[in-house]
PDB file of N, CA and C in Angstrom:
ATOM      1  N   MET A   1      67.518 -79.663 -10.485  1.00  0.00           N
ATOM      2  CA  MET A   1      68.781 -79.050 -10.129  1.00  0.00           C
ATOM      3  C   MET A   1      69.818 -79.220 -11.238  1.00  0.00           C
ATOM      4  N   ALA A   2      69.807 -80.401 -11.865  1.00  0.00           N
ATOM      5  CA  ALA A   2      70.763 -80.645 -12.945  1.00  0.00           C
ATOM      6  C   ALA A   2      70.486 -79.713 -14.130  1.00  0.00           C
ATOM      7  N   TYR A   3      69.197 -79.455 -14.415  1.00  0.00           N
ATOM      8  CA  TYR A   3      68.851 -78.565 -15.528  1.00  0.00           C
ATOM      9  C   TYR A   3      69.363 -77.148 -15.274  1.00  0.00           C
ATOM     10  N   VAL A   4      69.290 -76.693 -14.040  1.00  0.00           N
ATOM     11  CA  VAL A   4      69.752 -75.345 -13.703  1.00  0.00           C
ATOM     12  C   VAL A   4      71.257 -75.231 -13.928  1.00  0.00           C
ATOM     13  N   ILE A   5      72.007 -76.238 -13.541  1.00  0.00           N
ATOM     14  CA  ILE A   5      73.463 -76.225 -13.740  1.00  0.00           C
ATOM     15  C   ILE A   5      73.791 -76.241 -15.226  1.00  0.00           C
ATOM     16  N   ILE A   6      73.094 -77.073 -15.994  1.00  0.00           N
ATOM     17  CA  ILE A   6      73.310 -77.125 -17.450  1.00  0.00           C
ATOM     18  C   ILE A   6      72.955 -75.784 -18.085  1.00  0.00           C
ATOM     19  N   ALA A   7      71.841 -75.186 -17.679  1.00  0.00           N
ATOM     20  CA  ALA A   7      71.419 -73.900 -18.243  1.00  0.00           C
ATOM     21  C   ALA A   7      72.430 -72.808 -17.917  1.00  0.00           C
ATOM     22  N   ILE A   8      72.966 -72.801 -16.705  1.00  0.00           N
ATOM     23  CA  ILE A   8      73.968 -71.794 -16.331  1.00  0.00           C
ATOM     24  C   ILE A   8      75.253 -71.986 -17.132  1.00  0.00           C
ATOM     25  N   CYS A   9      75.688 -73.235 -17.312  1.00  0.00           N
ATOM     26  CA  CYS A   9      76.901 -73.503 -18.098  1.00  0.00           C
ATOM     27  C   CYS A   9      76.724 -73.072 -19.555  1.00  0.00           C
ATOM     28  N   PHE A  10      75.581 -73.416 -20.142  1.00  0.00           N
ATOM     29  CA  PHE A  10      75.317 -72.985 -21.517  1.00  0.00           C
ATOM     30  C   PHE A  10      75.192 -71.464 -21.583  1.00  0.00           C
ATOM     31  N   GLY A  11      74.588 -70.855 -20.562  1.00  0.00           N
ATOM     32  CA  GLY A  11      74.458 -69.400 -20.526  1.00  0.00           C
ATOM     33  C   GLY A  11      75.799 -68.707 -20.487  1.00  0.00           C
ATOM     34  N   ILE A  12      76.704 -69.202 -19.662  1.00  0.00           N
ATOM     35  CA  ILE A  12      78.042 -68.605 -19.578  1.00  0.00           C
ATOM     36  C   ILE A  12      78.787 -68.770 -20.894  1.00  0.00           C
ATOM     37  N   SER A  13      78.725 -69.965 -21.483  1.00  0.00           N
ATOM     38  CA  SER A  13      79.437 -70.176 -22.745  1.00  0.00           C
ATOM     39  C   SER A  13      78.828 -69.335 -23.871  1.00  0.00           C
ATOM     40  N   GLY A  14      77.517 -69.221 -23.918  1.00  0.00           N
ATOM     41  CA  GLY A  14      76.875 -68.371 -24.929  1.00  0.00           C
ATOM     42  C   GLY A  14      77.207 -66.906 -24.713  1.00  0.00           C
ATOM     43  N   GLY A  15      77.268 -66.481 -23.458  1.00  0.00           N
ATOM     44  CA  GLY A  15      77.639 -65.100 -23.155  1.00  0.00           C
ATOM     45  C   GLY A  15      79.058 -64.775 -23.558  1.00  0.00           C
ATOM     46  N   ILE A  16      79.968 -65.705 -23.330  1.00  0.00           N
ATOM     47  CA  ILE A  16      81.365 -65.497 -23.720  1.00  0.00           C
ATOM     48  C   ILE A  16      81.493 -65.417 -25.234  1.00  0.00           C
ATOM     49  N   VAL A  17      80.822 -66.318 -25.941  1.00  0.00           N
ATOM     50  CA  VAL A  17      80.863 -66.295 -27.416  1.00  0.00           C
ATOM     51  C   VAL A  17      80.276 -64.981 -27.933  1.00  0.00           C
ATOM     52  N   GLY A  18      79.147 -64.562 -27.372  1.00  0.00           N
ATOM     53  CA  GLY A  18      78.537 -63.302 -27.794  1.00  0.00           C
ATOM     54  C   GLY A  18      79.432 -62.110 -27.535  1.00  0.00           C
ATOM     55  N   ARG A  19      80.122 -62.101 -26.399  1.00  0.00           N
ATOM     56  CA  ARG A  19      81.025 -60.986 -26.070  1.00  0.00           C
ATOM     57  C   ARG A  19      82.233 -60.967 -26.995  1.00  0.00           C
ATOM     58  N   ILE A  20      82.765 -62.135 -27.330  1.00  0.00           N
ATOM     59  CA  ILE A  20      83.895 -62.213 -28.257  1.00  0.00           C
ATOM     60  C   ILE A  20      83.500 -61.641 -29.617  1.00  0.00           C
ATOM     61  N   LYS A  21      82.253 -61.856 -30.008  1.00  0.00           N
ATOM     62  CA  LYS A  21      81.779 -61.366 -31.301  1.00  0.00           C
ATOM     63  C   LYS A  21      81.354 -59.899 -31.250  1.00  0.00           C
ATOM     64  N   GLY A  22      81.496 -59.246 -30.097  1.00  0.00           N
ATOM     65  CA  GLY A  22      81.239 -57.817 -30.004  1.00  0.00           C
ATOM     66  C   GLY A  22      79.844 -57.452 -29.534  1.00  0.00           C
ATOM     67  N   SER A  23      79.083 -58.404 -29.057  1.00  0.00           N
ATOM     68  CA  SER A  23      77.731 -58.142 -28.596  1.00  0.00           C
ATOM     69  C   SER A  23      77.703 -58.138 -27.070  1.00  0.00           C
ATOM     70  N   SER A  24      76.508 -58.111 -26.505  1.00  0.00           N
ATOM     71  CA  SER A  24      76.334 -58.045 -25.057  1.00  0.00           C
ATOM     72  C   SER A  24      76.462 -59.429 -24.420  1.00  0.00           C
ATOM     73  N   PHE A  25      77.273 -59.524 -23.372  1.00  0.00           N
ATOM     74  CA  PHE A  25      77.405 -60.784 -22.632  1.00  0.00           C
ATOM     75  C   PHE A  25      76.074 -61.176 -22.009  1.00  0.00           C
ATOM     76  N   MET A  26      75.417 -60.219 -21.362  1.00  0.00           N
ATOM     77  CA  MET A  26      74.180 -60.521 -20.635  1.00  0.00           C
ATOM     78  C   MET A  26      73.074 -60.977 -21.586  1.00  0.00           C
ATOM     79  N   LEU A  27      72.963 -60.359 -22.744  1.00  0.00           N
ATOM     80  CA  LEU A  27      71.954 -60.764 -23.721  1.00  0.00           C
ATOM     81  C   LEU A  27      72.140 -62.213 -24.138  1.00  0.00           C
ATOM     82  N   TRP A  28      73.361 -62.585 -24.513  1.00  0.00           N
ATOM     83  CA  TRP A  28      73.616 -63.948 -24.965  1.00  0.00           C
ATOM     84  C   TRP A  28      73.609 -64.940 -23.815  1.00  0.00           C
ATOM     85  N   PHE A  29      73.933 -64.481 -22.599  1.00  0.00           N
ATOM     86  CA  PHE A  29      73.792 -65.345 -21.426  1.00  0.00           C
ATOM     87  C   PHE A  29      72.334 -65.734 -21.231  1.00  0.00           C
ATOM     88  N   LEU A  30      71.453 -64.742 -21.293  1.00  0.00           N
ATOM     89  CA  LEU A  30      70.026 -65.017 -21.095  1.00  0.00           C
ATOM     90  C   LEU A  30      69.449 -65.900 -22.204  1.00  0.00           C
ATOM     91  N   ILE A  31      69.822 -65.633 -23.437  1.00  0.00           N
ATOM     92  CA  ILE A  31      69.316 -66.439 -24.550  1.00  0.00           C
ATOM     93  C   ILE A  31      69.808 -67.877 -24.431  1.00  0.00           C
ATOM     94  N   SER A  32      71.101 -68.048 -24.153  1.00  0.00           N
ATOM     95  CA  SER A  32      71.674 -69.394 -24.083  1.00  0.00           C
ATOM     96  C   SER A  32      71.212 -70.152 -22.849  1.00  0.00           C
ATOM     97  N   ALA A  33      70.909 -69.447 -21.763  1.00  0.00           N
ATOM     98  CA  ALA A  33      70.415 -70.127 -20.563  1.00  0.00           C
ATOM     99  C   ALA A  33      68.942 -70.501 -20.709  1.00  0.00           C
ATOM    100  N   ALA A  34      68.165 -69.694 -21.402  1.00  0.00           N
ATOM    101  CA  ALA A  34      66.735 -69.978 -21.572  1.00  0.00           C
ATOM    102  C   ALA A  34      66.513 -71.173 -22.499  1.00  0.00           C
ATOM    103  N   VAL A  35      67.288 -71.229 -23.568  1.00  0.00           N
ATOM    104  CA  VAL A  35      67.185 -72.332 -24.528  1.00  0.00           C
ATOM    105  C   VAL A  35      68.594 -72.876 -24.725  1.00  0.00           C
ATOM    106  N   PRO A  36      69.060 -73.759 -23.842  1.00  0.00           N
ATOM    107  CA  PRO A  36      70.480 -74.094 -23.764  1.00  0.00           C
ATOM    108  C   PRO A  36      71.180 -74.454 -25.071  1.00  0.00           C
ATOM    109  N   VAL A  37      70.788 -75.470 -25.763  1.00  0.00           N
ATOM    110  CA  VAL A  37      71.537 -75.895 -26.947  1.00  0.00           C
ATOM    111  C   VAL A  37      71.347 -74.908 -28.098  1.00  0.00           C
ATOM    112  N   PHE A  38      70.117 -74.532 -28.369  1.00  0.00           N
ATOM    113  CA  PHE A  38      69.837 -73.645 -29.498  1.00  0.00           C
ATOM    114  C   PHE A  38      70.360 -72.224 -29.260  1.00  0.00           C
ATOM    115  N   GLY A  39      70.380 -71.789 -28.025  1.00  0.00           N
ATOM    116  CA  GLY A  39      70.928 -70.475 -27.705  1.00  0.00           C
ATOM    117  C   GLY A  39      72.415 -70.392 -27.991  1.00  0.00           C
ATOM    118  N   LEU A  40      73.146 -71.440 -27.640  1.00  0.00           N
ATOM    119  CA  LEU A  40      74.588 -71.467 -27.926  1.00  0.00           C
ATOM    120  C   LEU A  40      74.838 -71.549 -29.425  1.00  0.00           C
ATOM    121  N   ILE A  41      74.034 -72.316 -30.140  1.00  0.00           N
ATOM    122  CA  ILE A  41      74.175 -72.397 -31.601  1.00  0.00           C
ATOM    123  C   ILE A  41      73.900 -71.027 -32.232  1.00  0.00           C
ATOM    124  N   ALA A  42      72.899 -70.327 -31.722  1.00  0.00           N
ATOM    125  CA  ALA A  42      72.596 -68.987 -32.240  1.00  0.00           C
ATOM    126  C   ALA A  42      73.743 -68.029 -31.961  1.00  0.00           C
ATOM    127  N   ALA A  43      74.357 -68.122 -30.796  1.00  0.00           N
ATOM    128  CA  ALA A  43      75.496 -67.257 -30.472  1.00  0.00           C
ATOM    129  C   ALA A  43      76.679 -67.560 -31.390  1.00  0.00           C
ATOM    130  N   LEU A  44      76.885 -68.815 -31.702  1.00  0.00           N
ATOM    131  CA  LEU A  44      77.975 -69.179 -32.610  1.00  0.00           C
ATOM    132  C   LEU A  44      77.703 -68.710 -34.037  1.00  0.00           C
ATOM    133  N   ALA A  45      76.440 -68.715 -34.452  1.00  0.00           N
ATOM    134  CA  ALA A  45      76.082 -68.314 -35.812  1.00  0.00           C
ATOM    135  C   ALA A  45      75.952 -66.800 -35.966  1.00  0.00           C
ATOM    136  N   TYR A  46      75.920 -66.057 -34.862  1.00  0.00           N
ATOM    137  CA  TYR A  46      75.750 -64.606 -34.891  1.00  0.00           C
ATOM    138  C   TYR A  46      76.964 -63.943 -35.543  1.00  0.00           C
ATOM    139  N   ARG A  47      76.751 -62.816 -36.168  1.00  0.00           N
ATOM    140  CA  ARG A  47      77.825 -62.123 -36.891  1.00  0.00           C
ATOM    141  C   ARG A  47      78.810 -61.450 -35.924  1.00  0.00           C
ATOM    142  N   PHE A  48      80.006 -61.163 -36.416  1.00  0.00           N
ATOM    143  CA  PHE A  48      80.991 -60.390 -35.679  1.00  0.00           C
ATOM    144  C   PHE A  48      80.679 -58.916 -35.898  1.00  0.00           C
ATOM    145  N   ASP A  49      80.376 -58.182 -34.837  1.00  0.00           N
ATOM    146  CA  ASP A  49      80.027 -56.767 -34.962  1.00  0.00           C
ATOM    147  C   ASP A  49      81.191 -55.914 -35.448  1.00  0.00           C
ATOM    148  N   ASN A  50      82.418 -56.277 -35.116  1.00  0.00           N
ATOM    149  CA  ASN A  50      83.553 -55.454 -35.520  1.00  0.00           C
ATOM    150  C   ASN A  50      83.961 -55.703 -36.969  1.00  0.00           C
ATOM    151  N   GLN A  51      83.299 -56.624 -37.666  1.00  0.00           N
ATOM    152  CA  GLN A  51      83.582 -56.859 -39.075  1.00  0.00           C
ATOM    153  C   GLN A  51      82.499 -56.296 -39.996  1.00  0.00           C
ATOM    154  N   GLU A  52      81.533 -55.595 -39.428  1.00  0.00           N
ATOM    155  CA  GLU A  52      80.458 -54.995 -40.219  1.00  0.00           C
ATOM    156  C   GLU A  52      80.950 -53.722 -40.904  1.00  0.00           C
ATOM    157  N   LEU A  53      80.485 -53.505 -42.134  1.00  0.00           N
ATOM    158  CA  LEU A  53      80.810 -52.270 -42.839  1.00  0.00           C
ATOM    159  C   LEU A  53      80.173 -51.087 -42.124  1.00  0.00           C
ATOM    160  N   ARG A  54      80.754 -49.918 -42.292  1.00  0.00           N
ATOM    161  CA  ARG A  54      80.243 -48.714 -41.635  1.00  0.00           C
ATOM    162  C   ARG A  54      80.034 -47.624 -42.676  1.00  0.00           C
ATOM    163  N   ARG A  55      79.369 -46.551 -42.251  1.00  0.00           N
ATOM    164  CA  ARG A  55      79.144 -45.396 -43.118  1.00  0.00           C
ATOM    165  C   ARG A  55      79.227 -44.132 -42.285  1.00  0.00           C
ATOM    166  N   GLN A  56      79.423 -43.028 -42.982  1.00  0.00           N
ATOM    167  CA  GLN A  56      79.537 -41.744 -42.307  1.00  0.00           C
ATOM    168  C   GLN A  56      78.243 -40.963 -42.497  1.00  0.00           C
ATOM    169  N   CYS A  57      77.751 -40.365 -41.407  1.00  0.00           N
ATOM    170  CA  CYS A  57      76.534 -39.564 -41.460  1.00  0.00           C
ATOM    171  C   CYS A  57      76.807 -38.295 -42.267  1.00  0.00           C
ATOM    172  N   PRO A  58      75.962 -37.968 -43.244  1.00  0.00           N
ATOM    173  CA  PRO A  58      76.188 -36.763 -44.047  1.00  0.00           C
ATOM    174  C   PRO A  58      75.961 -35.470 -43.260  1.00  0.00           C
ATOM    175  N   SER A  59      75.193 -35.530 -42.180  1.00  0.00           N
ATOM    176  CA  SER A  59      74.894 -34.318 -41.410  1.00  0.00           C
ATOM    177  C   SER A  59      75.983 -33.980 -40.403  1.00  0.00           C
ATOM    178  N   CYS A  60      76.338 -34.951 -39.538  1.00  0.00           N
ATOM    179  CA  CYS A  60      77.271 -34.648 -38.455  1.00  0.00           C
ATOM    180  C   CYS A  60      78.636 -35.310 -38.619  1.00  0.00           C
ATOM    181  N   GLY A  61      78.757 -36.280 -39.518  1.00  0.00           N
ATOM    182  CA  GLY A  61      80.040 -36.924 -39.760  1.00  0.00           C
ATOM    183  C   GLY A  61      80.326 -38.129 -38.884  1.00  0.00           C
ATOM    184  N   ARG A  62      79.410 -38.517 -38.025  1.00  0.00           N
ATOM    185  CA  ARG A  62      79.625 -39.674 -37.148  1.00  0.00           C
ATOM    186  C   ARG A  62      79.646 -40.958 -37.983  1.00  0.00           C
ATOM    187  N   VAL A  63      80.564 -41.857 -37.661  1.00  0.00           N
ATOM    188  CA  VAL A  63      80.663 -43.133 -38.352  1.00  0.00           C
ATOM    189  C   VAL A  63      79.820 -44.151 -37.596  1.00  0.00           C
ATOM    190  N   THR A  64      78.821 -44.742 -38.290  1.00  0.00           N
ATOM    191  CA  THR A  64      77.922 -45.718 -37.687  1.00  0.00           C
ATOM    192  C   THR A  64      77.938 -47.001 -38.512  1.00  0.00           C
ATOM    193  N   LYS A  65      77.331 -48.039 -37.993  1.00  0.00           N
ATOM    194  CA  LYS A  65      77.219 -49.297 -38.721  1.00  0.00           C
ATOM    195  C   LYS A  65      76.340 -49.079 -39.949  1.00  0.00           C
ATOM    196  N   ILE A  66      76.580 -49.842 -40.987  1.00  0.00           N
ATOM    197  CA  ILE A  66      75.866 -49.641 -42.246  1.00  0.00           C
ATOM    198  C   ILE A  66      74.385 -49.996 -42.112  1.00  0.00           C
ATOM    199  N   TYR A  67      74.030 -50.853 -41.162  1.00  0.00           N
ATOM    200  CA  TYR A  67      72.633 -51.252 -41.007  1.00  0.00           C
ATOM    201  C   TYR A  67      71.827 -50.281 -40.151  1.00  0.00           C
ATOM    202  N   ASP A  68      72.456 -49.243 -39.574  1.00  0.00           N
ATOM    203  CA  ASP A  68      71.709 -48.239 -38.802  1.00  0.00           C
ATOM    204  C   ASP A  68      70.886 -47.376 -39.747  1.00  0.00           C
ATOM    205  N   ALA A  69      69.621 -47.162 -39.415  1.00  0.00           N
ATOM    206  CA  ALA A  69      68.727 -46.374 -40.257  1.00  0.00           C
ATOM    207  C   ALA A  69      68.707 -44.906 -39.839  1.00  0.00           C
ATOM    208  N   VAL A  70      69.084 -44.626 -38.570  1.00  0.00           N
ATOM    209  CA  VAL A  70      69.062 -43.263 -38.035  1.00  0.00           C
ATOM    210  C   VAL A  70      70.381 -43.015 -37.318  1.00  0.00           C
ATOM    211  N   CYS A  71      70.945 -41.836 -37.500  1.00  0.00           N
ATOM    212  CA  CYS A  71      72.179 -41.462 -36.806  1.00  0.00           C
ATOM    213  C   CYS A  71      71.866 -41.272 -35.321  1.00  0.00           C
ATOM    214  N   THR A  72      72.672 -41.882 -34.463  1.00  0.00           N
ATOM    215  CA  THR A  72      72.418 -41.792 -33.027  1.00  0.00           C
ATOM    216  C   THR A  72      72.865 -40.458 -32.441  1.00  0.00           C
ATOM    217  N   ARG A  73      73.655 -39.688 -33.152  1.00  0.00           N
ATOM    218  CA  ARG A  73      74.095 -38.392 -32.646  1.00  0.00           C
ATOM    219  C   ARG A  73      73.125 -37.277 -33.021  1.00  0.00           C
ATOM    220  N   CYS A  74      72.794 -37.147 -34.307  1.00  0.00           N
ATOM    221  CA  CYS A  74      71.982 -36.006 -34.741  1.00  0.00           C
ATOM    222  C   CYS A  74      70.546 -36.385 -35.101  1.00  0.00           C
ATOM    223  N   GLY A  75      70.248 -37.687 -35.242  1.00  0.00           N
ATOM    224  CA  GLY A  75      68.890 -38.115 -35.550  1.00  0.00           C
ATOM    225  C   GLY A  75      68.540 -38.066 -37.024  1.00  0.00           C
ATOM    226  N   ALA A  76      69.523 -37.837 -37.883  1.00  0.00           N
ATOM    227  CA  ALA A  76      69.260 -37.777 -39.322  1.00  0.00           C
ATOM    228  C   ALA A  76      68.938 -39.169 -39.859  1.00  0.00           C
ATOM    229  N   GLU A  77      67.985 -39.227 -40.784  1.00  0.00           N
ATOM    230  CA  GLU A  77      67.642 -40.490 -41.416  1.00  0.00           C
ATOM    231  C   GLU A  77      68.702 -40.812 -42.459  1.00  0.00           C
ATOM    232  N   LEU A  78      69.207 -42.032 -42.443  1.00  0.00           N
ATOM    233  CA  LEU A  78      70.320 -42.422 -43.306  1.00  0.00           C
ATOM    234  C   LEU A  78      69.843 -43.327 -44.427  1.00  0.00           C
ATOM    235  N   ASP A  79      70.229 -42.994 -45.656  1.00  0.00           N
ATOM    236  CA  ASP A  79      69.966 -43.848 -46.806  1.00  0.00           C
ATOM    237  C   ASP A  79      71.148 -44.792 -46.968  1.00  0.00           C
ATOM    238  N   PHE A  80      70.966 -45.847 -47.776  1.00  0.00           N
ATOM    239  CA  PHE A  80      72.073 -46.774 -48.011  1.00  0.00           C
ATOM    240  C   PHE A  80      73.164 -46.039 -48.789  1.00  0.00           C
ATOM    241  N   PRO A  81      74.407 -46.079 -48.318  1.00  0.00           N
ATOM    242  CA  PRO A  81      75.474 -45.291 -48.940  1.00  0.00           C
ATOM    243  C   PRO A  81      76.005 -45.916 -50.229  1.00  0.00           C
ATOM    244  N   ASP A  82      76.559 -45.051 -51.083  1.00  0.00           N
ATOM    245  CA  ASP A  82      77.230 -45.529 -52.285  1.00  0.00           C
ATOM    246  C   ASP A  82      78.604 -46.098 -51.937  1.00  0.00           C
ATOM    247  N   VAL A  83      79.256 -45.474 -50.951  1.00  0.00           N
ATOM    248  CA  VAL A  83      80.592 -45.890 -50.532  1.00  0.00           C
ATOM    249  C   VAL A  83      80.551 -46.199 -49.044  1.00  0.00           C
ATOM    250  N   ALA A  84      81.088 -47.352 -48.671  1.00  0.00           N
ATOM    251  CA  ALA A  84      81.112 -47.748 -47.261  1.00  0.00           C
ATOM    252  C   ALA A  84      82.506 -47.548 -46.686  1.00  0.00           C
ATOM    253  N   VAL A  85      82.557 -47.326 -45.385  1.00  0.00           N
ATOM    254  CA  VAL A  85      83.820 -47.198 -44.662  1.00  0.00           C
ATOM    255  C   VAL A  85      84.247 -48.603 -44.242  1.00  0.00           C
ATOM    256  N   ALA A  86      85.538 -48.850 -44.209  1.00  0.00           N
ATOM    257  CA  ALA A  86      86.062 -50.165 -43.845  1.00  0.00           C
ATOM    258  C   ALA A  86      85.659 -50.539 -42.418  1.00  0.00           C
ATOM    259  N   PRO A  87      85.503 -51.831 -42.145  1.00  0.00           N
ATOM    260  CA  PRO A  87      85.169 -52.285 -40.784  1.00  0.00           C
ATOM    261  C   PRO A  87      86.259 -51.925 -39.781  1.00  0.00           C
ATOM    262  N   GLU A  88      85.909 -51.985 -38.500  1.00  0.00           N
ATOM    263  CA  GLU A  88      86.837 -51.643 -37.430  1.00  0.00           C
ATOM    264  C   GLU A  88      88.051 -52.551 -37.409  1.00  0.00           C
ATOM    265  N   THR A  89      87.916 -53.805 -37.791  1.00  0.00           N
ATOM    266  CA  THR A  89      89.039 -54.736 -37.725  1.00  0.00           C
ATOM    267  C   THR A  89      90.139 -54.350 -38.705  1.00  0.00           C
ATOM    268  N   PHE A  90      89.788 -53.744 -39.836  1.00  0.00           N
ATOM    269  CA  PHE A  90      90.801 -53.340 -40.793  1.00  0.00           C
ATOM    270  C   PHE A  90      91.577 -52.120 -40.320  1.00  0.00           C
ATOM    271  N   GLU A  91      90.960 -51.288 -39.502  1.00  0.00           N
ATOM    272  CA  GLU A  91      91.656 -50.106 -38.988  1.00  0.00           C
ATOM    273  C   GLU A  91      92.629 -50.460 -37.890  1.00  0.00           C
ATOM    274  N   ARG A  92      92.366 -51.503 -37.139  1.00  0.00           N
ATOM    275  CA  ARG A  92      93.207 -51.894 -36.019  1.00  0.00           C
ATOM    276  C   ARG A  92      94.437 -52.691 -36.459  1.00  0.00           C
ATOM    277  N   THR A  93      94.388 -53.299 -37.642  1.00  0.00           N
ATOM    278  CA  THR A  93      95.493 -54.111 -38.080  1.00  0.00           C
ATOM    279  C   THR A  93      96.679 -53.238 -38.441  1.00  0.00           C
ATOM    280  N   PRO A  94      97.874 -53.518 -37.870  1.00  0.00           N
ATOM    281  CA  PRO A  94      99.040 -52.709 -38.189  1.00  0.00           C
ATOM    282  C   PRO A  94      99.499 -52.947 -39.626  1.00  0.00           C
ATOM    283  N   ALA A  95      99.996 -51.901 -40.241  1.00  0.00           N
ATOM    284  CA  ALA A  95     100.460 -52.004 -41.631  1.00  0.00           C
ATOM    285  C   ALA A  95     101.760 -52.798 -41.677  1.00  0.00           C
ATOM    286  N   ARG A  96     101.862 -53.655 -42.677  1.00  0.00           N
ATOM    287  CA  ARG A  96     103.085 -54.451 -42.850  1.00  0.00           C
ATOM    288  C   ARG A  96     103.957 -53.780 -43.889  1.00  0.00           C
ATOM    289  N   SER A  97     105.245 -53.838 -43.646  1.00  0.00           N
ATOM    290  CA  SER A  97     106.151 -53.221 -44.625  1.00  0.00           C
ATOM    291  C   SER A  97     106.975 -54.239 -45.346  1.00  0.00           C
TER     292      SER A  97
END
């Protein structure tokens, strides 16, 4: 019974960390609950999705993550771009005067 409570607590904390970093709460909940200590460490070491570079699809113009190999809108195969689009976090920051 104690292990179940510990696994649920680690699962919730791993899920919250994963969600803050822009990933799925349920995915990180399951990983952190299945392997309590290592799952939470993995969630903490995981990258921030909103800080990833992006690129524009040459066929349809959709902006996708730079690590996507196929455009999710038109299905075009994407090569590594020469120029990357700024991450989402830079677009949300208000300009200072």
